[in-house]
Amino acid sequence: MRGSIMQLRNSTTHYGVLKVHEYLADTLVALAGLHAAAALMHHWILGDGTLARMLPHKWSTPAVQDKARVTFTAPRNRRASVVDKSG
């Protein structure tokens, strides 16, 4: 059994799997950073209450909760739409 693991470590397959793993890990870190940057942009630049909607209500004030509140309604054509009450 141990010989087969050592053969895999020295094989081309191991190198390929290692490179794919490295690429996917780098992609995941980049996506997490981009997601965090987008959340902060919504909070500081756009000021649209998106971050307040994602946080638990105990961490935000009632005024922020009201601004961030979104109501989903179904119009006559039965397609869902978003109504933003932030005005």
N, C-alpha and C. Protein backbone atom coordinates (compact mmCIF):
# COMPACT_ATOMS: atom_id res chain seq x y z
N MET A 1 0.82 -1.18 0.00
CA MET A 1 0.00 0.00 0.00
C MET A 1 0.87 1.25 0.00
N ARG A 2 1.89 1.27 0.81
CA ARG A 2 2.74 2.45 0.90
C ARG A 2 3.48 2.69 -0.41
N GLY A 3 3.84 1.67 -1.09
CA GLY A 3 4.52 1.83 -2.37
C GLY A 3 3.64 2.52 -3.41
N SER A 4 2.34 2.22 -3.38
CA SER A 4 1.45 2.83 -4.36
C SER A 4 1.27 4.32 -4.08
N ILE A 5 1.29 4.72 -2.81
CA ILE A 5 1.18 6.15 -2.49
C ILE A 5 2.43 6.88 -2.95
N MET A 6 3.57 6.30 -2.76
CA MET A 6 4.82 6.94 -3.19
C MET A 6 4.87 7.03 -4.71
N GLN A 7 4.35 6.04 -5.40
CA GLN A 7 4.32 6.10 -6.86
C GLN A 7 3.40 7.23 -7.32
N LEU A 8 2.28 7.44 -6.62
CA LEU A 8 1.37 8.51 -6.99
C LEU A 8 2.02 9.87 -6.76
N ARG A 9 2.78 10.02 -5.68
CA ARG A 9 3.43 11.30 -5.40
C ARG A 9 4.46 11.66 -6.46
N ASN A 10 5.04 10.70 -7.08
CA ASN A 10 6.05 10.97 -8.09
C ASN A 10 5.48 10.97 -9.50
N SER A 11 4.19 10.84 -9.64
CA SER A 11 3.61 10.71 -10.98
C SER A 11 3.17 12.05 -11.53
N THR A 12 2.87 12.06 -12.80
CA THR A 12 2.36 13.25 -13.47
C THR A 12 0.94 13.56 -13.00
N THR A 13 0.18 12.53 -12.64
CA THR A 13 -1.18 12.73 -12.15
C THR A 13 -1.17 13.54 -10.87
N HIS A 14 -0.22 13.23 -9.99
CA HIS A 14 -0.11 13.97 -8.74
C HIS A 14 0.16 15.44 -9.02
N TYR A 15 1.05 15.72 -9.94
CA TYR A 15 1.36 17.10 -10.29
C TYR A 15 0.12 17.82 -10.85
N GLY A 16 -0.63 17.13 -11.69
CA GLY A 16 -1.84 17.72 -12.27
C GLY A 16 -2.89 18.01 -11.21
N VAL A 17 -3.12 17.06 -10.30
CA VAL A 17 -4.08 17.24 -9.23
C VAL A 17 -3.64 18.38 -8.32
N LEU A 18 -2.36 18.47 -8.04
CA LEU A 18 -1.83 19.54 -7.20
C LEU A 18 -2.06 20.90 -7.85
N LYS A 19 -1.84 21.01 -9.14
CA LYS A 19 -2.03 22.28 -9.84
C LYS A 19 -3.51 22.67 -9.88
N VAL A 20 -4.41 21.72 -10.11
CA VAL A 20 -5.84 22.01 -10.11
C VAL A 20 -6.27 22.47 -8.72
N HIS A 21 -5.78 21.81 -7.69
CA HIS A 21 -6.10 22.18 -6.32
C HIS A 21 -5.61 23.60 -6.02
N GLU A 22 -4.42 23.91 -6.46
CA GLU A 22 -3.86 25.25 -6.25
C GLU A 22 -4.68 26.31 -6.98
N TYR A 23 -5.08 26.04 -8.20
CA TYR A 23 -5.89 26.97 -8.99
C TYR A 23 -7.24 27.20 -8.34
N LEU A 24 -7.89 26.14 -7.89
CA LEU A 24 -9.20 26.28 -7.25
C LEU A 24 -9.11 27.03 -5.93
N ALA A 25 -8.05 26.79 -5.16
CA ALA A 25 -7.88 27.50 -3.90
C ALA A 25 -7.67 29.00 -4.15
N ASP A 26 -6.85 29.35 -5.13
CA ASP A 26 -6.63 30.76 -5.46
C ASP A 26 -7.92 31.42 -5.95
N THR A 27 -8.70 30.70 -6.73
CA THR A 27 -9.97 31.22 -7.23
C THR A 27 -10.94 31.47 -6.08
N LEU A 28 -11.00 30.55 -5.13
CA LEU A 28 -11.89 30.70 -3.98
C LEU A 28 -11.50 31.92 -3.15
N VAL A 29 -10.21 32.13 -2.93
CA VAL A 29 -9.75 33.30 -2.16
C VAL A 29 -10.10 34.59 -2.91
N ALA A 30 -9.92 34.61 -4.22
CA ALA A 30 -10.24 35.79 -5.01
C ALA A 30 -11.74 36.08 -4.98
N LEU A 31 -12.57 35.06 -5.09
CA LEU A 31 -14.02 35.26 -5.04
C LEU A 31 -14.48 35.75 -3.67
N ALA A 32 -13.88 35.24 -2.60
CA ALA A 32 -14.24 35.69 -1.26
C ALA A 32 -13.85 37.16 -1.08
N GLY A 33 -12.69 37.55 -1.58
CA GLY A 33 -12.28 38.94 -1.50
C GLY A 33 -13.19 39.86 -2.31
N LEU A 34 -13.56 39.42 -3.49
CA LEU A 34 -14.46 40.20 -4.34
C LEU A 34 -15.84 40.34 -3.69
N HIS A 35 -16.32 39.28 -3.07
CA HIS A 35 -17.60 39.32 -2.38
C HIS A 35 -17.57 40.31 -1.21
N ALA A 36 -16.51 40.28 -0.43
CA ALA A 36 -16.37 41.21 0.69
C ALA A 36 -16.28 42.65 0.20
N ALA A 37 -15.53 42.86 -0.88
CA ALA A 37 -15.40 44.21 -1.43
C ALA A 37 -16.74 44.73 -1.95
N ALA A 38 -17.52 43.86 -2.57
CA ALA A 38 -18.84 44.27 -3.07
C ALA A 38 -19.78 44.61 -1.92
N ALA A 39 -19.73 43.85 -0.84
CA ALA A 39 -20.58 44.15 0.32
C ALA A 39 -20.21 45.49 0.93
N LEU A 40 -18.91 45.78 1.04
CA LEU A 40 -18.48 47.06 1.58
C LEU A 40 -18.82 48.21 0.63
N MET A 41 -18.75 47.98 -0.67
CA MET A 41 -19.12 49.01 -1.64
C MET A 41 -20.61 49.36 -1.49
N HIS A 42 -21.45 48.34 -1.33
CA HIS A 42 -22.87 48.59 -1.13
C HIS A 42 -23.11 49.39 0.14
N HIS A 43 -22.32 49.10 1.18
CA HIS A 43 -22.53 49.76 2.46
C HIS A 43 -22.02 51.20 2.44
N TRP A 44 -20.78 51.42 1.98
CA TRP A 44 -20.15 52.74 2.09
C TRP A 44 -20.41 53.64 0.89
N ILE A 45 -20.40 53.10 -0.31
CA ILE A 45 -20.50 53.94 -1.50
C ILE A 45 -21.96 54.10 -1.93
N LEU A 46 -22.66 53.00 -2.11
CA LEU A 46 -24.04 53.07 -2.57
C LEU A 46 -25.02 53.39 -1.44
N GLY A 47 -24.70 52.95 -0.23
CA GLY A 47 -25.55 53.22 0.92
C GLY A 47 -26.97 52.69 0.76
N ASP A 48 -27.13 51.53 0.12
CA ASP A 48 -28.47 51.01 -0.18
C ASP A 48 -29.01 50.02 0.85
N GLY A 49 -28.31 49.79 1.93
CA GLY A 49 -28.84 48.92 2.98
C GLY A 49 -28.66 47.44 2.73
N THR A 50 -27.91 47.05 1.71
CA THR A 50 -27.72 45.63 1.42
C THR A 50 -27.00 44.93 2.56
N LEU A 51 -25.97 45.55 3.10
CA LEU A 51 -25.22 44.94 4.19
C LEU A 51 -26.09 44.82 5.44
N ALA A 52 -26.92 45.80 5.69
CA ALA A 52 -27.82 45.75 6.85
C ALA A 52 -28.81 44.59 6.73
N ARG A 53 -29.24 44.28 5.50
CA ARG A 53 -30.16 43.15 5.32
C ARG A 53 -29.48 41.82 5.59
N MET A 54 -28.17 41.75 5.38
CA MET A 54 -27.45 40.49 5.58
C MET A 54 -27.11 40.26 7.04
N LEU A 55 -26.97 41.33 7.82
CA LEU A 55 -26.59 41.19 9.22
C LEU A 55 -27.80 40.84 10.07
N PRO A 56 -27.57 40.16 11.21
CA PRO A 56 -28.69 39.91 12.13
C PRO A 56 -29.26 41.24 12.63
N HIS A 57 -30.56 41.28 12.87
CA HIS A 57 -31.22 42.52 13.27
C HIS A 57 -30.72 43.06 14.60
N LYS A 58 -30.17 42.21 15.46
CA LYS A 58 -29.68 42.70 16.75
C LYS A 58 -28.43 43.57 16.58
N TRP A 59 -27.77 43.52 15.41
CA TRP A 59 -26.56 44.31 15.17
C TRP A 59 -26.86 45.63 14.48
N SER A 60 -28.09 45.90 14.13
CA SER A 60 -28.41 47.14 13.43
C SER A 60 -29.51 47.88 14.16
N THR A 61 -29.60 49.17 13.92
CA THR A 61 -30.61 50.00 14.56
C THR A 61 -31.94 49.86 13.83
N PRO A 62 -33.05 50.21 14.47
CA PRO A 62 -34.35 50.14 13.80
C PRO A 62 -34.42 51.00 12.54
N ALA A 63 -33.76 52.16 12.53
CA ALA A 63 -33.78 53.01 11.34
C ALA A 63 -33.10 52.32 10.17
N VAL A 64 -32.01 51.65 10.43
CA VAL A 64 -31.30 50.92 9.37
C VAL A 64 -32.14 49.74 8.90
N GLN A 65 -32.83 49.08 9.83
CA GLN A 65 -33.67 47.94 9.45
C GLN A 65 -34.80 48.39 8.53
N ASP A 66 -35.43 49.53 8.84
CA ASP A 66 -36.52 50.03 8.00
C ASP A 66 -36.01 50.42 6.62
N LYS A 67 -34.83 51.03 6.54
CA LYS A 67 -34.28 51.42 5.25
C LYS A 67 -33.94 50.19 4.41
N ALA A 68 -33.49 49.13 5.07
CA ALA A 68 -33.06 47.94 4.34
C ALA A 68 -34.20 46.98 4.02
N ARG A 69 -35.40 47.25 4.54
CA ARG A 69 -36.51 46.34 4.35
C ARG A 69 -36.95 46.29 2.88
N VAL A 70 -37.14 45.11 2.37
CA VAL A 70 -37.60 44.91 1.00
C VAL A 70 -38.84 44.03 1.05
N THR A 71 -39.87 44.40 0.32
CA THR A 71 -41.11 43.64 0.28
C THR A 71 -41.28 43.02 -1.10
N PHE A 72 -41.60 41.76 -1.12
CA PHE A 72 -41.82 41.07 -2.39
C PHE A 72 -43.32 41.03 -2.65
N THR A 73 -43.72 41.47 -3.83
CA THR A 73 -45.14 41.47 -4.19
C THR A 73 -45.31 40.73 -5.50
N ALA A 74 -46.51 40.26 -5.73
CA ALA A 74 -46.83 39.58 -6.98
C ALA A 74 -47.80 40.45 -7.78
N PRO A 75 -47.36 41.07 -8.86
CA PRO A 75 -48.27 41.89 -9.66
C PRO A 75 -49.24 41.03 -10.46
N ARG A 76 -50.06 41.65 -11.25
CA ARG A 76 -51.11 40.94 -11.97
C ARG A 76 -50.60 39.86 -12.92
N ASN A 77 -49.42 40.07 -13.49
CA ASN A 77 -48.93 39.06 -14.42
C ASN A 77 -48.26 37.88 -13.70
N ARG A 78 -48.39 37.84 -12.39
CA ARG A 78 -47.94 36.74 -11.54
C ARG A 78 -46.43 36.53 -11.53
N ARG A 79 -45.69 37.52 -11.98
CA ARG A 79 -44.24 37.44 -11.88
C ARG A 79 -43.81 38.21 -10.64
N ALA A 80 -42.93 37.66 -9.84
CA ALA A 80 -42.51 38.31 -8.61
C ALA A 80 -41.64 39.51 -8.93
N SER A 81 -41.84 40.57 -8.18
CA SER A 81 -41.00 41.76 -8.33
C SER A 81 -40.62 42.26 -6.94
N VAL A 82 -39.61 43.11 -6.90
CA VAL A 82 -39.11 43.64 -5.65
C VAL A 82 -39.53 45.09 -5.52
N VAL A 83 -40.08 45.44 -4.37
CA VAL A 83 -40.46 46.82 -4.10
C VAL A 83 -39.56 47.31 -2.99
N ASP A 84 -38.74 48.33 -3.25
CA ASP A 84 -37.80 48.87 -2.28
C ASP A 84 -38.44 50.03 -1.55
N LYS A 85 -38.50 49.97 -0.23
CA LYS A 85 -39.13 51.01 0.57
C LYS A 85 -38.15 52.07 1.04
N SER A 86 -36.91 52.05 0.56
CA SER A 86 -35.92 53.01 1.05
C SER A 86 -36.17 54.39 0.48
N GLY A 87 -36.95 54.50 -0.60
CA GLY A 87 -37.39 55.77 -1.15
C GLY A 87 -36.35 56.49 -1.84
